[in-house]
All heavy atoms as atom14 arrays in JSON, in Angstrom:
{
  "sequence": "FVGLPNMYFQILITIYAVSFILAILAPRFWPLKGIPDSYSG",
  "atom14_mask": [
    [1, 1, 1, 1, 1, 1, 1, 1, 1, 1, 1, 0, 0, 0],
    [1, 1, 1, 1, 1, 1, 1, 0, 0, 0, 0, 0, 0, 0],
    [1, 1, 1, 1, 0, 0, 0, 0, 0, 0, 0, 0, 0, 0],
    [1, 1, 1, 1, 1, 1, 1, 1, 0, 0, 0, 0, 0, 0],
    [1, 1, 1, 1, 1, 1, 1, 0, 0, 0, 0, 0, 0, 0],
    [1, 1, 1, 1, 1, 1, 1, 1, 0, 0, 0, 0, 0, 0],
    [1, 1, 1, 1, 1, 1, 1, 1, 0, 0, 0, 0, 0, 0],
    [1, 1, 1, 1, 1, 1, 1, 1, 1, 1, 1, 1, 0, 0],
    [1, 1, 1, 1, 1, 1, 1, 1, 1, 1, 1, 0, 0, 0],
    [1, 1, 1, 1, 1, 1, 1, 1, 1, 0, 0, 0, 0, 0],
    [1, 1, 1, 1, 1, 1, 1, 1, 0, 0, 0, 0, 0, 0],
    [1, 1, 1, 1, 1, 1, 1, 1, 0, 0, 0, 0, 0, 0],
    [1, 1, 1, 1, 1, 1, 1, 1, 0, 0, 0, 0, 0, 0],
    [1, 1, 1, 1, 1, 1, 1, 0, 0, 0, 0, 0, 0, 0],
    [1, 1, 1, 1, 1, 1, 1, 1, 0, 0, 0, 0, 0, 0],
    [1, 1, 1, 1, 1, 1, 1, 1, 1, 1, 1, 1, 0, 0],
    [1, 1, 1, 1, 1, 0, 0, 0, 0, 0, 0, 0, 0, 0],
    [1, 1, 1, 1, 1, 1, 1, 0, 0, 0, 0, 0, 0, 0],
    [1, 1, 1, 1, 1, 1, 0, 0, 0, 0, 0, 0, 0, 0],
    [1, 1, 1, 1, 1, 1, 1, 1, 1, 1, 1, 0, 0, 0],
    [1, 1, 1, 1, 1, 1, 1, 1, 0, 0, 0, 0, 0, 0],
    [1, 1, 1, 1, 1, 1, 1, 1, 0, 0, 0, 0, 0, 0],
    [1, 1, 1, 1, 1, 0, 0, 0, 0, 0, 0, 0, 0, 0],
    [1, 1, 1, 1, 1, 1, 1, 1, 0, 0, 0, 0, 0, 0],
    [1, 1, 1, 1, 1, 1, 1, 1, 0, 0, 0, 0, 0, 0],
    [1, 1, 1, 1, 1, 0, 0, 0, 0, 0, 0, 0, 0, 0],
    [1, 1, 1, 1, 1, 1, 1, 0, 0, 0, 0, 0, 0, 0],
    [1, 1, 1, 1, 1, 1, 1, 1, 1, 1, 1, 0, 0, 0],
    [1, 1, 1, 1, 1, 1, 1, 1, 1, 1, 1, 0, 0, 0],
    [1, 1, 1, 1, 1, 1, 1, 1, 1, 1, 1, 1, 1, 1],
    [1, 1, 1, 1, 1, 1, 1, 0, 0, 0, 0, 0, 0, 0],
    [1, 1, 1, 1, 1, 1, 1, 1, 0, 0, 0, 0, 0, 0],
    [1, 1, 1, 1, 1, 1, 1, 1, 1, 0, 0, 0, 0, 0],
    [1, 1, 1, 1, 0, 0, 0, 0, 0, 0, 0, 0, 0, 0],
    [1, 1, 1, 1, 1, 1, 1, 1, 0, 0, 0, 0, 0, 0],
    [1, 1, 1, 1, 1, 1, 1, 0, 0, 0, 0, 0, 0, 0],
    [1, 1, 1, 1, 1, 1, 1, 1, 0, 0, 0, 0, 0, 0],
    [1, 1, 1, 1, 1, 1, 0, 0, 0, 0, 0, 0, 0, 0],
    [1, 1, 1, 1, 1, 1, 1, 1, 1, 1, 1, 1, 0, 0],
    [1, 1, 1, 1, 1, 1, 0, 0, 0, 0, 0, 0, 0, 0],
    [1, 1, 1, 1, 0, 0, 0, 0, 0, 0, 0, 0, 0, 0]
  ],
  "atom14_positions": [
    [[0.82, -1.21, 0.0], [0.0, 0.0, 0.0], [0.86, 1.27, 0.0], [0.53, 2.25, -0.68], [-0.93, 0.0, 1.21], [-2.04, 1.01, 1.14], [-3.24, 0.71, 0.51], [-1.89, 2.27, 1.68], [-4.26, 1.63, 0.43], [-2.9, 3.21, 1.61], [-4.1, 2.89, 0.99], [0.0, 0.0, 0.0], [0.0, 0.0, 0.0], [0.0, 0.0, 0.0]],
    [[1.96, 1.25, 0.76], [2.83, 2.45, 0.8], [3.75, 2.52, -0.41], [4.46, 3.5, -0.59], [3.67, 2.51, 2.09], [2.78, 2.54, 3.31], [4.67, 1.36, 2.17], [0.0, 0.0, 0.0], [0.0, 0.0, 0.0], [0.0, 0.0, 0.0], [0.0, 0.0, 0.0], [0.0, 0.0, 0.0], [0.0, 0.0, 0.0], [0.0, 0.0, 0.0]],
    [[3.76, 1.46, -1.23], [4.58, 1.47, -2.44], [5.92, 0.81, -2.3], [6.83, 1.06, -3.1], [0.0, 0.0, 0.0], [0.0, 0.0, 0.0], [0.0, 0.0, 0.0], [0.0, 0.0, 0.0], [0.0, 0.0, 0.0], [0.0, 0.0, 0.0], [0.0, 0.0, 0.0], [0.0, 0.0, 0.0], [0.0, 0.0, 0.0], [0.0, 0.0, 0.0]],
    [[6.06, -0.11, -1.29], [7.33, -0.79, -1.09], [7.16, -2.32, -1.05], [7.68, -2.99, -0.16], [7.98, -0.33, 0.23], [8.34, 1.15, 0.36], [8.9, 1.44, 1.76], [9.37, 1.55, -0.7], [0.0, 0.0, 0.0], [0.0, 0.0, 0.0], [0.0, 0.0, 0.0], [0.0, 0.0, 0.0], [0.0, 0.0, 0.0], [0.0, 0.0, 0.0]],
    [[6.48, -2.91, -2.03], [6.33, -4.37, -2.0], [7.66, -5.1, -2.12], [7.81, -6.21, -1.62], [5.42, -4.65, -3.2], [5.63, -3.48, -4.12], [5.86, -2.31, -3.21], [0.0, 0.0, 0.0], [0.0, 0.0, 0.0], [0.0, 0.0, 0.0], [0.0, 0.0, 0.0], [0.0, 0.0, 0.0], [0.0, 0.0, 0.0], [0.0, 0.0, 0.0]],
    [[8.63, -4.46, -2.76], [9.95, -5.07, -2.92], [10.74, -5.08, -1.61], [11.75, -5.77, -1.5], [10.75, -4.31, -3.97], [10.91, -2.84, -3.63], [9.93, -2.18, -3.28], [12.13, -2.31, -3.73], [0.0, 0.0, 0.0], [0.0, 0.0, 0.0], [0.0, 0.0, 0.0], [0.0, 0.0, 0.0], [0.0, 0.0, 0.0], [0.0, 0.0, 0.0]],
    [[10.28, -4.34, -0.59], [10.95, -4.29, 0.7], [10.13, -5.0, 1.79], [10.3, -4.74, 2.99], [11.23, -2.85, 1.11], [12.17, -2.11, 0.17], [12.68, -0.5, 0.81], [13.76, -0.99, 2.16], [0.0, 0.0, 0.0], [0.0, 0.0, 0.0], [0.0, 0.0, 0.0], [0.0, 0.0, 0.0], [0.0, 0.0, 0.0], [0.0, 0.0, 0.0]],
    [[9.25, -5.9, 1.36], [8.37, -6.59, 2.31], [9.14, -7.28, 3.42], [8.82, -7.14, 4.61], [7.49, -7.58, 1.55], [6.86, -8.64, 2.43], [5.98, -8.28, 3.45], [7.16, -9.99, 2.26], [5.42, -9.26, 4.26], [6.6, -10.95, 3.06], [5.72, -10.58, 4.06], [5.17, -11.54, 4.87], [0.0, 0.0, 0.0], [0.0, 0.0, 0.0]],
    [[10.17, -8.05, 3.06], [10.88, -8.82, 4.08], [11.65, -7.91, 5.03], [11.75, -8.18, 6.23], [11.81, -9.85, 3.43], [11.1, -11.04, 2.89], [10.93, -11.22, 1.53], [10.56, -11.99, 3.75], [10.26, -12.32, 1.03], [9.88, -13.1, 3.26], [9.73, -13.26, 1.9], [0.0, 0.0, 0.0], [0.0, 0.0, 0.0], [0.0, 0.0, 0.0]],
    [[12.21, -6.81, 4.54], [12.87, -5.86, 5.42], [11.88, -5.24, 6.4], [12.17, -5.07, 7.59], [13.56, -4.75, 4.6], [14.73, -5.22, 3.77], [14.33, -5.57, 2.35], [13.28, -6.16, 2.12], [15.17, -5.2, 1.39], [0.0, 0.0, 0.0], [0.0, 0.0, 0.0], [0.0, 0.0, 0.0], [0.0, 0.0, 0.0], [0.0, 0.0, 0.0]],
    [[10.69, -4.91, 5.9], [9.65, -4.35, 6.76], [9.19, -5.39, 7.78], [9.0, -5.1, 8.98], [8.47, -3.84, 5.91], [8.9, -2.61, 5.1], [7.26, -3.49, 6.79], [7.86, -2.15, 4.09], [0.0, 0.0, 0.0], [0.0, 0.0, 0.0], [0.0, 0.0, 0.0], [0.0, 0.0, 0.0], [0.0, 0.0, 0.0], [0.0, 0.0, 0.0]],
    [[9.01, -6.64, 7.33], [8.6, -7.73, 8.21], [9.6, -7.94, 9.34], [9.24, -8.02, 10.53], [8.44, -9.02, 7.4], [7.99, -10.27, 8.16], [6.52, -10.16, 8.51], [8.24, -11.53, 7.32], [0.0, 0.0, 0.0], [0.0, 0.0, 0.0], [0.0, 0.0, 0.0], [0.0, 0.0, 0.0], [0.0, 0.0, 0.0], [0.0, 0.0, 0.0]],
    [[10.88, -8.03, 8.99], [11.93, -8.23, 9.99], [11.95, -7.08, 10.98], [12.06, -7.28, 12.21], [13.3, -8.37, 9.29], [13.37, -9.68, 8.5], [14.44, -8.29, 10.31], [14.55, -9.76, 7.56], [0.0, 0.0, 0.0], [0.0, 0.0, 0.0], [0.0, 0.0, 0.0], [0.0, 0.0, 0.0], [0.0, 0.0, 0.0], [0.0, 0.0, 0.0]],
    [[11.83, -5.87, 10.46], [11.85, -4.69, 11.33], [10.68, -4.69, 12.3], [10.86, -4.45, 13.51], [11.79, -3.4, 10.47], [12.91, -3.39, 9.58], [11.81, -2.17, 11.35], [0.0, 0.0, 0.0], [0.0, 0.0, 0.0], [0.0, 0.0, 0.0], [0.0, 0.0, 0.0], [0.0, 0.0, 0.0], [0.0, 0.0, 0.0], [0.0, 0.0, 0.0]],
    [[9.5, -4.96, 11.82], [8.3, -4.95, 12.67], [8.41, -5.99, 13.78], [8.14, -5.71, 14.95], [7.03, -5.19, 11.82], [6.72, -3.94, 11.0], [5.84, -5.57, 12.7], [5.61, -4.14, 9.98], [0.0, 0.0, 0.0], [0.0, 0.0, 0.0], [0.0, 0.0, 0.0], [0.0, 0.0, 0.0], [0.0, 0.0, 0.0], [0.0, 0.0, 0.0]],
    [[8.82, -7.2, 13.43], [8.89, -8.25, 14.44], [10.02, -8.01, 15.44], [9.88, -8.29, 16.63], [9.03, -9.63, 13.78], [7.73, -10.14, 13.21], [7.7, -11.23, 12.34], [6.51, -9.54, 13.53], [6.5, -11.7, 11.82], [5.31, -10.01, 13.01], [5.31, -11.08, 12.16], [4.13, -11.56, 11.65], [0.0, 0.0, 0.0], [0.0, 0.0, 0.0]],
    [[11.14, -7.48, 14.97], [12.26, -7.19, 15.87], [11.87, -6.1, 16.88], [12.09, -6.23, 18.09], [13.49, -6.77, 15.08], [0.0, 0.0, 0.0], [0.0, 0.0, 0.0], [0.0, 0.0, 0.0], [0.0, 0.0, 0.0], [0.0, 0.0, 0.0], [0.0, 0.0, 0.0], [0.0, 0.0, 0.0], [0.0, 0.0, 0.0], [0.0, 0.0, 0.0]],
    [[11.29, -5.02, 16.38], [10.89, -3.91, 17.25], [9.76, -4.35, 18.19], [9.76, -4.02, 19.38], [10.47, -2.69, 16.42], [9.81, -1.62, 17.3], [11.68, -2.11, 15.7], [0.0, 0.0, 0.0], [0.0, 0.0, 0.0], [0.0, 0.0, 0.0], [0.0, 0.0, 0.0], [0.0, 0.0, 0.0], [0.0, 0.0, 0.0], [0.0, 0.0, 0.0]],
    [[8.81, -5.12, 17.68], [7.7, -5.59, 18.51], [8.2, -6.52, 19.61], [7.66, -6.51, 20.72], [6.66, -6.31, 17.64], [6.1, -5.42, 16.7], [0.0, 0.0, 0.0], [0.0, 0.0, 0.0], [0.0, 0.0, 0.0], [0.0, 0.0, 0.0], [0.0, 0.0, 0.0], [0.0, 0.0, 0.0], [0.0, 0.0, 0.0], [0.0, 0.0, 0.0]],
    [[9.2, -7.33, 19.31], [9.79, -8.21, 20.32], [10.41, -7.39, 21.45], [10.2, -7.68, 22.64], [10.85, -9.1, 19.66], [11.51, -10.07, 20.6], [10.91, -11.28, 20.91], [12.74, -9.79, 21.18], [11.52, -12.18, 21.77], [13.36, -10.67, 22.04], [12.74, -11.88, 22.34], [0.0, 0.0, 0.0], [0.0, 0.0, 0.0], [0.0, 0.0, 0.0]],
    [[11.14, -6.34, 21.1], [11.76, -5.48, 22.12], [10.68, -4.78, 22.94], [10.76, -4.7, 24.17], [12.69, -4.45, 21.45], [13.85, -5.16, 20.75], [13.22, -3.46, 22.48], [14.69, -4.25, 19.86], [0.0, 0.0, 0.0], [0.0, 0.0, 0.0], [0.0, 0.0, 0.0], [0.0, 0.0, 0.0], [0.0, 0.0, 0.0], [0.0, 0.0, 0.0]],
    [[9.64, -4.28, 22.27], [8.56, -3.59, 22.97], [7.82, -4.54, 23.91], [7.37, -4.15, 24.99], [7.58, -2.98, 21.97], [8.09, -1.77, 21.19], [7.09, -1.39, 20.09], [8.34, -0.59, 22.11], [0.0, 0.0, 0.0], [0.0, 0.0, 0.0], [0.0, 0.0, 0.0], [0.0, 0.0, 0.0], [0.0, 0.0, 0.0], [0.0, 0.0, 0.0]],
    [[7.68, -5.81, 23.5], [7.0, -6.79, 24.35], [7.79, -7.09, 25.61], [7.22, -7.45, 26.65], [6.77, -8.08, 23.56], [0.0, 0.0, 0.0], [0.0, 0.0, 0.0], [0.0, 0.0, 0.0], [0.0, 0.0, 0.0], [0.0, 0.0, 0.0], [0.0, 0.0, 0.0], [0.0, 0.0, 0.0], [0.0, 0.0, 0.0], [0.0, 0.0, 0.0]],
    [[9.1, -6.95, 25.54], [9.94, -7.12, 26.74], [9.83, -5.89, 27.65], [9.74, -6.0, 28.88], [11.41, -7.36, 26.35], [11.55, -8.69, 25.59], [12.32, -7.35, 27.58], [12.95, -8.93, 25.04], [0.0, 0.0, 0.0], [0.0, 0.0, 0.0], [0.0, 0.0, 0.0], [0.0, 0.0, 0.0], [0.0, 0.0, 0.0], [0.0, 0.0, 0.0]],
    [[9.8, -4.71, 27.04], [9.81, -3.47, 27.82], [8.45, -3.11, 28.42], [8.36, -2.71, 29.59], [10.28, -2.31, 26.92], [11.72, -2.38, 26.4], [11.97, -1.21, 25.45], [12.72, -2.37, 27.54], [0.0, 0.0, 0.0], [0.0, 0.0, 0.0], [0.0, 0.0, 0.0], [0.0, 0.0, 0.0], [0.0, 0.0, 0.0], [0.0, 0.0, 0.0]],
    [[7.38, -3.23, 27.64], [6.07, -2.71, 28.04], [5.56, -3.26, 29.37], [5.03, -2.5, 30.18], [5.05, -2.95, 26.93], [0.0, 0.0, 0.0], [0.0, 0.0, 0.0], [0.0, 0.0, 0.0], [0.0, 0.0, 0.0], [0.0, 0.0, 0.0], [0.0, 0.0, 0.0], [0.0, 0.0, 0.0], [0.0, 0.0, 0.0], [0.0, 0.0, 0.0]],
    [[5.68, -4.58, 29.65], [5.15, -5.08, 30.91], [5.86, -4.53, 32.15], [5.35, -4.68, 33.27], [5.37, -6.6, 30.81], [5.5, -6.87, 29.35], [6.17, -5.66, 28.79], [0.0, 0.0, 0.0], [0.0, 0.0, 0.0], [0.0, 0.0, 0.0], [0.0, 0.0, 0.0], [0.0, 0.0, 0.0], [0.0, 0.0, 0.0], [0.0, 0.0, 0.0]],
    [[6.99, -3.89, 31.96], [7.77, -3.39, 33.09], [7.51, -1.91, 33.39], [8.17, -1.32, 34.23], [9.25, -3.65, 32.83], [9.58, -5.14, 32.86], [10.93, -5.5, 32.26], [11.27, -6.89, 32.53], [10.87, -7.92, 31.79], [10.1, -7.71, 30.74], [11.2, -9.15, 32.11], [0.0, 0.0, 0.0], [0.0, 0.0, 0.0], [0.0, 0.0, 0.0]],
    [[6.56, -1.32, 32.65], [6.21, 0.08, 32.85], [4.7, 0.22, 33.09], [3.92, -0.65, 32.72], [6.61, 0.93, 31.62], [8.09, 0.99, 31.39], [8.71, 0.14, 30.48], [8.89, 1.9, 32.08], [10.08, 0.2, 30.26], [10.26, 1.96, 31.87], [10.85, 1.11, 30.96], [0.0, 0.0, 0.0], [0.0, 0.0, 0.0], [0.0, 0.0, 0.0]],
    [[4.31, 1.36, 33.7], [2.9, 1.67, 33.85], [2.3, 1.9, 32.46], [2.99, 2.41, 31.59], [2.76, 2.95, 34.69], [1.33, 3.3, 34.98], [0.57, 2.88, 36.03], [0.47, 4.1, 34.16], [-0.7, 3.39, 35.92], [-0.8, 4.14, 34.77], [0.64, 4.8, 32.96], [-1.88, 4.83, 34.24], [-0.44, 5.49, 32.42], [-1.68, 5.51, 33.06]],
    [[1.04, 1.53, 32.22], [0.08, 1.0, 33.18], [0.07, -0.51, 33.33], [-0.57, -1.03, 34.24], [-1.25, 1.47, 32.6], [-1.03, 1.5, 31.12], [0.42, 1.92, 30.94], [0.0, 0.0, 0.0], [0.0, 0.0, 0.0], [0.0, 0.0, 0.0], [0.0, 0.0, 0.0], [0.0, 0.0, 0.0], [0.0, 0.0, 0.0], [0.0, 0.0, 0.0]],
    [[0.76, -1.25, 32.45], [0.7, -2.71, 32.52], [1.3, -3.24, 33.83], [0.77, -4.19, 34.42], [1.44, -3.33, 31.32], [0.78, -3.11, 29.96], [1.63, -3.68, 28.85], [-0.61, -3.72, 29.93], [0.0, 0.0, 0.0], [0.0, 0.0, 0.0], [0.0, 0.0, 0.0], [0.0, 0.0, 0.0], [0.0, 0.0, 0.0], [0.0, 0.0, 0.0]],
    [[2.36, -2.61, 34.3], [3.01, -3.07, 35.53], [2.09, -2.94, 36.73], [2.16, -3.72, 37.68], [4.3, -2.28, 35.75], [5.1, -2.78, 36.94], [6.39, -1.97, 37.11], [7.2, -2.5, 38.29], [8.45, -1.71, 38.47], [0.0, 0.0, 0.0], [0.0, 0.0, 0.0], [0.0, 0.0, 0.0], [0.0, 0.0, 0.0], [0.0, 0.0, 0.0]],
    [[1.18, -1.95, 36.71], [0.33, -1.69, 37.85], [-0.94, -2.52, 37.9], [-1.7, -2.44, 38.87], [0.0, 0.0, 0.0], [0.0, 0.0, 0.0], [0.0, 0.0, 0.0], [0.0, 0.0, 0.0], [0.0, 0.0, 0.0], [0.0, 0.0, 0.0], [0.0, 0.0, 0.0], [0.0, 0.0, 0.0], [0.0, 0.0, 0.0], [0.0, 0.0, 0.0]],
    [[-1.22, -3.33, 36.86], [-2.43, -4.15, 36.85], [-2.21, -5.38, 37.73], [-1.23, -6.1, 37.56], [-2.8, -4.56, 35.42], [-3.11, -3.32, 34.58], [-4.02, -5.5, 35.42], [-3.35, -3.61, 33.11], [0.0, 0.0, 0.0], [0.0, 0.0, 0.0], [0.0, 0.0, 0.0], [0.0, 0.0, 0.0], [0.0, 0.0, 0.0], [0.0, 0.0, 0.0]],
    [[-3.1, -5.65, 38.67], [-2.89, -6.77, 39.6], [-3.09, -8.12, 38.94], [-3.76, -8.24, 37.9], [-3.94, -6.53, 40.68], [-5.03, -5.78, 39.99], [-4.34, -4.9, 38.97], [0.0, 0.0, 0.0], [0.0, 0.0, 0.0], [0.0, 0.0, 0.0], [0.0, 0.0, 0.0], [0.0, 0.0, 0.0], [0.0, 0.0, 0.0], [0.0, 0.0, 0.0]],
    [[-2.54, -9.15, 39.56], [-2.73, -10.53, 39.08], [-4.02, -11.11, 39.65], [-4.03, -12.22, 40.19], [-1.53, -11.39, 39.47], [-0.42, -11.32, 38.43], [-0.71, -11.5, 37.24], [0.73, -11.06, 38.82], [0.0, 0.0, 0.0], [0.0, 0.0, 0.0], [0.0, 0.0, 0.0], [0.0, 0.0, 0.0], [0.0, 0.0, 0.0], [0.0, 0.0, 0.0]],
    [[-5.1, -10.36, 39.52], [-6.42, -10.84, 39.94], [-7.11, -11.5, 38.76], [-6.65, -11.4, 37.62], [-7.25, -9.68, 40.49], [-7.28, -8.62, 39.56], [0.0, 0.0, 0.0], [0.0, 0.0, 0.0], [0.0, 0.0, 0.0], [0.0, 0.0, 0.0], [0.0, 0.0, 0.0], [0.0, 0.0, 0.0], [0.0, 0.0, 0.0], [0.0, 0.0, 0.0]],
    [[-8.25, -12.14, 39.03], [-8.97, -12.87, 37.99], [-10.4, -12.36, 37.92], [-11.29, -12.82, 38.63], [-8.93, -14.38, 38.27], [-7.56, -14.97, 38.04], [-6.56, -14.82, 39.0], [-7.24, -15.62, 36.86], [-5.27, -15.31, 38.79], [-5.97, -16.12, 36.64], [-5.0, -15.97, 37.61], [-3.73, -16.45, 37.39], [0.0, 0.0, 0.0], [0.0, 0.0, 0.0]],
    [[-10.62, -11.37, 37.03], [-11.94, -10.74, 36.92], [-12.68, -11.2, 35.67], [-13.67, -10.59, 35.28], [-11.8, -9.22, 36.9], [-11.09, -8.79, 35.74], [0.0, 0.0, 0.0], [0.0, 0.0, 0.0], [0.0, 0.0, 0.0], [0.0, 0.0, 0.0], [0.0, 0.0, 0.0], [0.0, 0.0, 0.0], [0.0, 0.0, 0.0], [0.0, 0.0, 0.0]],
    [[-12.19, -12.26, 35.02], [-12.88, -12.8, 33.86], [-14.23, -13.37, 34.24], [-14.58, -13.47, 35.42], [0.0, 0.0, 0.0], [0.0, 0.0, 0.0], [0.0, 0.0, 0.0], [0.0, 0.0, 0.0], [0.0, 0.0, 0.0], [0.0, 0.0, 0.0], [0.0, 0.0, 0.0], [0.0, 0.0, 0.0], [0.0, 0.0, 0.0], [0.0, 0.0, 0.0]]
  ]
}
């Protein structure tokens, strides 16, 4: 859509690499860190 189909794999690698780092960092900061381990389902 943005006009870079030839760079699909570079975009894919970048997205997953950055998302992996964010998934490590995000749970250690507010607001996710402040949510209790309760079961309200």
